Every structure is written in structure tokens, then in C-alpha cells.
C-alpha atoms as a PDB file:
ATOM      1  CA  UNK A   1      17.386 -83.653 -29.091  1.00  0.00           C
ATOM      2  CA  UNK A   2      19.112 -83.490 -26.253  1.00  0.00           C
ATOM      3  CA  UNK A   3      21.493 -81.129 -27.257  1.00  0.00           C
ATOM      4  CA  UNK A   4      19.280 -78.730 -28.275  1.00  0.00           C
ATOM      5  CA  UNK A   5      16.875 -78.950 -24.985  1.00  0.00           C
ATOM      6  CA  UNK A   6      20.374 -77.865 -23.278  1.00  0.00           C
ATOM      7  CA  UNK A   7      20.790 -75.394 -25.778  1.00  0.00           C
ATOM      8  CA  UNK A   8      17.161 -73.826 -25.613  1.00  0.00           C
ATOM      9  CA  UNK A   9      17.420 -73.964 -21.496  1.00  0.00           C
ATOM     10  CA  UNK A  10      20.669 -72.008 -21.409  1.00  0.00           C
ATOM     11  CA  UNK A  11      19.392 -69.052 -23.839  1.00  0.00           C
ATOM     12  CA  UNK A  12      16.196 -69.112 -22.257  1.00  0.00           C
ATOM     13  CA  UNK A  13      17.790 -68.595 -18.886  1.00  0.00           C
ATOM     14  CA  UNK A  14      20.167 -66.102 -20.798  1.00  0.00           C
ATOM     15  CA  UNK A  15      17.660 -63.973 -21.734  1.00  0.00           C
ATOM     16  CA  UNK A  16      15.646 -63.408 -18.167  1.00  0.00           C
ATOM     17  CA  UNK A  17      18.649 -63.035 -16.436  1.00  0.00           C
ATOM     18  CA  UNK A  18      20.305 -60.470 -18.590  1.00  0.00           C
ATOM     19  CA  UNK A  19      17.869 -57.688 -17.717  1.00  0.00           C
ATOM     20  CA  UNK A  20      18.292 -59.063 -13.818  1.00  0.00           C
ATOM     21  CA  UNK A  21      21.571 -58.284 -14.268  1.00  0.00           C
ATOM     22  CA  UNK A  22      22.270 -55.161 -15.992  1.00  0.00           C
ATOM     23  CA  UNK A  23      19.640 -53.232 -13.896  1.00  0.00           C
ATOM     24  CA  UNK A  24      22.007 -54.454 -10.822  1.00  0.00           C
ATOM     25  CA  UNK A  25      24.826 -53.157 -12.059  1.00  0.00           C
ATOM     26  CA  UNK A  26      23.919 -49.670 -12.649  1.00  0.00           C
ATOM     27  CA  UNK A  27      22.661 -49.924  -8.860  1.00  0.00           C
ATOM     28  CA  UNK A  28      26.028 -50.936  -7.767  1.00  0.00           C
ATOM     29  CA  UNK A  29      27.266 -47.635  -9.807  1.00  0.00           C
ATOM     30  CA  UNK A  30      28.797 -44.241  -7.535  1.00  0.00           C
ATOM     31  CA  UNK A  31      26.237 -42.216  -6.505  1.00  0.00           C
ATOM     32  CA  UNK A  32      27.508 -38.508  -7.179  1.00  0.00           C
ATOM     33  CA  UNK A  33      26.097 -36.821  -4.170  1.00  0.00           C
ATOM     34  CA  UNK A  34      28.578 -37.062  -1.290  1.00  0.00           C
ATOM     35  CA  UNK A  35      28.392 -39.244   1.752  1.00  0.00           C
ATOM     36  CA  UNK A  36      27.670 -37.920   5.296  1.00  0.00           C
ATOM     37  CA  UNK A  37      31.125 -38.870   6.450  1.00  0.00           C
ATOM     38  CA  UNK A  38      32.701 -36.861   3.392  1.00  0.00           C
ATOM     39  CA  UNK A  39      31.092 -33.553   4.904  1.00  0.00           C
ATOM     40  CA  UNK A  40      31.846 -34.517   8.994  1.00  0.00           C
ATOM     41  CA  UNK A  41      33.434 -30.953   8.996  1.00  0.00           C
ATOM     42  CA  UNK A  42      31.682 -27.815   8.793  1.00  0.00           C
ATOM     43  CA  UNK A  43      34.905 -26.431   7.055  1.00  0.00           C
ATOM     44  CA  UNK A  44      35.907 -29.035   4.609  1.00  0.00           C
ATOM     45  CA  UNK A  45      33.809 -28.992   1.171  1.00  0.00           C
ATOM     46  CA  UNK A  46      32.234 -31.936   0.010  1.00  0.00           C
ATOM     47  CA  UNK A  47      32.634 -32.333  -3.427  1.00  0.00           C
ATOM     48  CA  UNK A  48      31.542 -35.528  -5.612  1.00  0.00           C
ATOM     49  CA  UNK A  49      33.448 -39.069  -5.805  1.00  0.00           C
ATOM     50  CA  UNK A  50      35.804 -38.853  -8.469  1.00  0.00           C
ATOM     51  CA  UNK A  51      35.417 -40.704 -11.737  1.00  0.00           C
ATOM     52  CA  UNK A  52      38.248 -43.603 -12.142  1.00  0.00           C
ATOM     53  CA  UNK A  53      41.042 -42.031 -15.079  1.00  0.00           C
ATOM     54  CA  UNK A  54      43.318 -44.085 -17.275  1.00  0.00           C
ATOM     55  CA  UNK A  55      46.524 -41.863 -15.946  1.00  0.00           C
ATOM     56  CA  UNK A  56      46.789 -41.812 -11.856  1.00  0.00           C
ATOM     57  CA  UNK A  57      47.206 -38.166 -10.610  1.00  0.00           C
ATOM     58  CA  UNK A  58      49.031 -36.863  -7.429  1.00  0.00           C
ATOM     59  CA  UNK A  59      47.533 -35.569  -4.588  1.00  0.00           C
ATOM     60  CA  UNK A  60      49.330 -32.289  -3.760  1.00  0.00           C
ATOM     61  CA  UNK A  61      47.401 -32.812  -0.309  1.00  0.00           C
ATOM     62  CA  UNK A  62      46.972 -35.990   1.367  1.00  0.00           C
ATOM     63  CA  UNK A  63      43.313 -36.907   1.792  1.00  0.00           C
ATOM     64  CA  UNK A  64      41.494 -38.108   4.924  1.00  0.00           C
ATOM     65  CA  UNK A  65      38.042 -39.505   6.031  1.00  0.00           C
ATOM     66  CA  UNK A  66      36.292 -38.430   9.272  1.00  0.00           C
ATOM     67  CA  UNK A  67      34.435 -41.431  10.651  1.00  0.00           C
ATOM     68  CA  UNK A  68      31.676 -40.493  13.717  1.00  0.00           C
ATOM     69  CA  UNK A  69      32.657 -43.534  14.848  1.00  0.00           C
ATOM     70  CA  UNK A  70      36.252 -42.675  14.823  1.00  0.00           C
ATOM     71  CA  UNK A  71      34.980 -39.740  16.981  1.00  0.00           C
ATOM     72  CA  UNK A  72      37.557 -37.822  14.277  1.00  0.00           C
ATOM     73  CA  UNK A  73      35.180 -34.588  14.769  1.00  0.00           C
ATOM     74  CA  UNK A  74      33.901 -31.739  17.197  1.00  0.00           C
ATOM     75  CA  UNK A  75      30.821 -31.570  15.763  1.00  0.00           C
ATOM     76  CA  UNK A  76      28.129 -32.984  18.630  1.00  0.00           C
ATOM     77  CA  UNK A  77      25.659 -34.318  16.140  1.00  0.00           C
ATOM     78  CA  UNK A  78      28.302 -36.276  14.257  1.00  0.00           C
ATOM     79  CA  UNK A  79      30.321 -37.914  17.296  1.00  0.00           C
ATOM     80  CA  UNK A  80      30.205 -38.830  20.786  1.00  0.00           C
ATOM     81  CA  UNK A  81      32.573 -37.367  23.550  1.00  0.00           C
ATOM     82  CA  UNK A  82      35.280 -39.864  24.817  1.00  0.00           C
ATOM     83  CA  UNK A  83      35.570 -39.797  28.643  1.00  0.00           C
ATOM     84  CA  UNK A  84      38.852 -39.812  30.307  1.00  0.00           C
ATOM     85  CA  UNK A  85      40.007 -39.144  33.998  1.00  0.00           C
ATOM     86  CA  UNK A  86      43.459 -39.025  35.487  1.00  0.00           C
ATOM     87  CA  UNK A  87      46.160 -36.883  37.124  1.00  0.00           C
ATOM     88  CA  UNK A  88      47.733 -33.693  35.349  1.00  0.00           C
ATOM     89  CA  UNK A  89      50.866 -34.101  35.011  1.00  0.00           C
ATOM     90  CA  UNK A  90      52.192 -30.757  33.356  1.00  0.00           C
ATOM     91  CA  UNK A  91      49.856 -27.345  32.579  1.00  0.00           C
ATOM     92  CA  UNK A  92      50.553 -25.041  29.544  1.00  0.00           C
ATOM     93  CA  UNK A  93      48.409 -21.621  30.378  1.00  0.00           C
ATOM     94  CA  UNK A  94      50.078 -19.871  27.615  1.00  0.00           C
ATOM     95  CA  UNK A  95      49.181 -22.803  25.406  1.00  0.00           C
ATOM     96  CA  UNK A  96      45.868 -23.606  27.588  1.00  0.00           C
ATOM     97  CA  UNK A  97      46.011 -27.256  27.071  1.00  0.00           C
ATOM     98  CA  UNK A  98      46.797 -29.776  30.185  1.00  0.00           C
ATOM     99  CA  UNK A  99      48.661 -33.578  29.829  1.00  0.00           C
ATOM    100  CA  UNK A 100      47.370 -36.368  31.839  1.00  0.00           C
ATOM    101  CA  UNK A 101      50.102 -38.781  32.182  1.00  0.00           C
ATOM    102  CA  UNK A 102      48.898 -42.481  31.096  1.00  0.00           C
ATOM    103  CA  UNK A 103      50.415 -46.090  31.555  1.00  0.00           C
ATOM    104  CA  UNK A 104      51.680 -46.289  28.299  1.00  0.00           C
ATOM    105  CA  UNK A 105      51.689 -42.877  26.911  1.00  0.00           C
ATOM    106  CA  UNK A 106      50.139 -39.210  27.798  1.00  0.00           C
ATOM    107  CA  UNK A 107      47.588 -37.568  26.440  1.00  0.00           C
ATOM    108  CA  UNK A 108      47.420 -33.442  26.281  1.00  0.00           C
ATOM    109  CA  UNK A 109      44.100 -31.624  26.099  1.00  0.00           C
ATOM    110  CA  UNK A 110      43.651 -28.572  24.504  1.00  0.00           C
ATOM    111  CA  UNK A 111      41.081 -26.612  26.603  1.00  0.00           C
ATOM    112  CA  UNK A 112      38.586 -24.344  23.967  1.00  0.00           C
ATOM    113  CA  UNK A 113      36.491 -21.716  24.216  1.00  0.00           C
ATOM    114  CA  UNK A 114      33.363 -24.279  24.365  1.00  0.00           C
ATOM    115  CA  UNK A 115      34.963 -26.491  27.245  1.00  0.00           C
ATOM    116  CA  UNK A 116      32.933 -25.952  29.953  1.00  0.00           C
ATOM    117  CA  UNK A 117      35.383 -26.211  33.106  1.00  0.00           C
ATOM    118  CA  UNK A 118      33.769 -27.222  36.799  1.00  0.00           C
ATOM    119  CA  UNK A 119      35.794 -27.040  40.498  1.00  0.00           C
ATOM    120  CA  UNK A 120      33.782 -28.547  43.450  1.00  0.00           C
ATOM    121  CA  UNK A 121      30.831 -27.966  41.368  1.00  0.00           C
ATOM    122  CA  UNK A 122      31.569 -23.860  40.317  1.00  0.00           C
ATOM    123  CA  UNK A 123      32.390 -22.782  36.911  1.00  0.00           C
ATOM    124  CA  UNK A 124      36.542 -22.884  36.396  1.00  0.00           C
ATOM    125  CA  UNK A 125      38.933 -20.821  34.210  1.00  0.00           C
ATOM    126  CA  UNK A 126      42.307 -22.282  32.935  1.00  0.00           C
ATOM    127  CA  UNK A 127      43.923 -20.367  35.921  1.00  0.00           C
ATOM    128  CA  UNK A 128      42.153 -23.390  38.025  1.00  0.00           C
ATOM    129  CA  UNK A 129      44.055 -26.242  35.913  1.00  0.00           C
ATOM    130  CA  UNK A 130      47.121 -26.712  38.836  1.00  0.00           C
ATOM    131  CA  UNK A 131      49.968 -29.742  38.463  1.00  0.00           C
ATOM    132  CA  UNK A 132      48.992 -33.174  41.007  1.00  0.00           C
ATOM    133  CA  UNK A 133      45.325 -32.328  40.367  1.00  0.00           C
ATOM    134  CA  UNK A 134      42.880 -34.983  39.872  1.00  0.00           C
ATOM    135  CA  UNK A 135      40.876 -34.831  37.027  1.00  0.00           C
ATOM    136  CA  UNK A 136      37.832 -36.013  34.360  1.00  0.00           C
ATOM    137  CA  UNK A 137      35.651 -35.329  32.088  1.00  0.00           C
ATOM    138  CA  UNK A 138      35.317 -36.177  27.585  1.00  0.00           C
ATOM    139  CA  UNK A 139      36.992 -34.853  24.725  1.00  0.00           C
ATOM    140  CA  UNK A 140      36.197 -35.144  21.232  1.00  0.00           C
ATOM    141  CA  UNK A 141      39.544 -36.021  18.946  1.00  0.00           C
ATOM    142  CA  UNK A 142      39.766 -33.308  15.864  1.00  0.00           C
ATOM    143  CA  UNK A 143      40.800 -34.568  12.213  1.00  0.00           C
ATOM    144  CA  UNK A 144      44.311 -32.492  13.363  1.00  0.00           C
ATOM    145  CA  UNK A 145      44.403 -35.218  15.626  1.00  0.00           C
ATOM    146  CA  UNK A 146      44.626 -33.019  18.849  1.00  0.00           C
ATOM    147  CA  UNK A 147      41.988 -33.722  21.629  1.00  0.00           C
ATOM    148  CA  UNK A 148      39.656 -31.194  22.420  1.00  0.00           C
ATOM    149  CA  UNK A 149      38.248 -31.237  25.778  1.00  0.00           C
ATOM    150  CA  UNK A 150      34.428 -30.692  26.300  1.00  0.00           C
ATOM    151  CA  UNK A 151      34.308 -31.016  29.441  1.00  0.00           C
ATOM    152  CA  UNK A 152      36.123 -31.013  32.302  1.00  0.00           C
ATOM    153  CA  UNK A 153      36.128 -31.397  36.295  1.00  0.00           C
ATOM    154  CA  UNK A 154      38.914 -30.535  38.439  1.00  0.00           C
ATOM    155  CA  UNK A 155      39.295 -32.329  42.036  1.00  0.00           C
ATOM    156  CA  UNK A 156      38.005 -35.239  43.800  1.00  0.00           C
ATOM    157  CA  UNK A 157      34.196 -35.532  42.946  1.00  0.00           C
ATOM    158  CA  UNK A 158      31.717 -33.697  44.880  1.00  0.00           C
ATOM    159  CA  UNK A 159      28.906 -35.653  47.443  1.00  0.00           C
ATOM    160  CA  UNK A 160      25.515 -34.830  45.029  1.00  0.00           C
ATOM    161  CA  UNK A 161      28.458 -36.616  42.294  1.00  0.00           C
ATOM    162  CA  UNK A 162      28.965 -39.989  44.409  1.00  0.00           C
ATOM    163  CA  UNK A 163      24.801 -39.699  45.456  1.00  0.00           C
ATOM    164  CA  UNK A 164      24.426 -39.544  41.738  1.00  0.00           C
ATOM    165  CA  UNK A 165      26.335 -41.924  41.075  1.00  0.00           C
ATOM    166  CA  UNK A 166      25.203 -44.898  43.845  1.00  0.00           C
ATOM    167  CA  UNK A 167      21.809 -43.657  42.841  1.00  0.00           C
ATOM    168  CA  UNK A 168      22.589 -44.701  38.954  1.00  0.00           C
ATOM    169  CA  UNK A 169      24.332 -48.085  40.302  1.00  0.00           C
ATOM    170  CA  UNK A 170      21.010 -48.882  42.069  1.00  0.00           C
ATOM    171  CA  UNK A 171      19.173 -48.435  39.257  1.00  0.00           C
ATOM    172  CA  UNK A 172      21.008 -50.375  37.386  1.00  0.00           C
ATOM    173  CA  UNK A 173      21.062 -53.287  39.494  1.00  0.00           C
ATOM    174  CA  UNK A 174      16.971 -53.330  39.758  1.00  0.00           C
ATOM    175  CA  UNK A 175      16.767 -54.021  36.284  1.00  0.00           C
ATOM    176  CA  UNK A 176      19.804 -56.460  36.220  1.00  0.00           C
ATOM    177  CA  UNK A 177      16.936 -57.714  38.570  1.00  0.00           C
ATOM    178  CA  UNK A 178      14.080 -57.608  36.876  1.00  0.00           C
ATOM    179  CA  UNK A 179      15.332 -58.881  33.990  1.00  0.00           C
ATOM    180  CA  UNK A 180      16.281 -61.978  35.519  1.00  0.00           C
ATOM    181  CA  UNK A 181      12.945 -62.320  36.940  1.00  0.00           C
ATOM    182  CA  UNK A 182      11.899 -62.170  33.440  1.00  0.00           C
ATOM    183  CA  UNK A 183      13.107 -64.355  31.430  1.00  0.00           C
ATOM    184  CA  UNK A 184      12.512 -67.981  32.350  1.00  0.00           C
ATOM    185  CA  UNK A 185      14.439 -70.377  33.896  1.00  0.00           C
ATOM    186  CA  UNK A 186      15.115 -73.316  31.468  1.00  0.00           C
ATOM    187  CA  UNK A 187      13.547 -76.661  33.560  1.00  0.00           C
ATOM    188  CA  UNK A 188      15.701 -79.767  34.208  1.00  0.00           C
ATOM    189  CA  UNK A 189      14.539 -82.528  31.383  1.00  0.00           C
ATOM    190  CA  UNK A 190      14.471 -86.059  32.448  1.00  0.00           C
END
């Protein structure tokens, strides 16, 4: 009698759980539509995920994936620009690049038609970029590994930029003070 009860309980549990398990398995299957990360570059064509086959095929070209979090695209809606600053160590006007020497390695930035360059708050060109000059700005890391400059500001900070930085610091301190005053302080327990 006891074994019959266990058998009936197991069968009913199996009968009720099987449809849920089958439903969960179908939801976990791959979607035929491509993910947004697969079409990070406007030049790259999105293709559906390939089905797994019994025989592996050799790929003629290495596959690279673009993740917006990794910052490997030049599309402003997909990635955020990365800031940089330092001293220019070398300039290649023909290739439209400049180099910033770092502690561990140097970085070479490519200037394009989309790059916004300024010097002392006024528009600048590649001719204004010279070695041993302070530079700051932002860049995108392109899929092929090059660093494409988005904004380039040559020379030391202007007075307007310094004033804007001071205002931002003052606002940050005010917010921190408001946050501290809004939080209740822990009361000592007896």
C-alpha cells in the first residue's frame, strides 16, 4: 500500500510538471532575430544566429562582437566616449594622428572629419597640433582597435573652463551636504 501511494504521487507530480518543463525548454531556445549587439556597426550586416551542426565548419574570417559596454563602436547612440588628457609626444600630419605617451604604453589618436578640435576656445585644425602641448578630449575605440578622437582641446584650460569646473565642484559639494542632512543619523542605543 505504501509503495502504491509513492508510485501514484510520483506519477501525478510527473504529469503536472512535464508541461511546465516543456514550456520552459521552448522559451530558452535561440531567437531567430539578431540581438542589438550583433548590429553595432552600421557597415556590418546583422544575420540570425547559426544553427548548431554536427560537423564544425572553419571560418574564413575571425568573428568580432561589439558590445556597447566595451565602447568598441563609433556610433554615439551605442557607446559613450572615453575621456583622455596628457601631453602630445608625436604628431603625424599626413596620417592625421597624434600620440600621447603614457606610463605603461602610448596611445595614438586618429583625427577624422567628425572630430571637433579647439584651441583656447576657438576652432582648430590638424596644423595646430604640435608636440609637447597639453591636450584633452574624448575618443571612441573603433572595432579594428584604433582610437578615433571625438573632441580634442589643445592647450591649457581656458578661464571659462576653469570657472565651469569650479561651479560643478560646488554643486557636487552641495548635493553631498543635502544627502548627508537628509539621512537620519544613527542614535546611540543604551
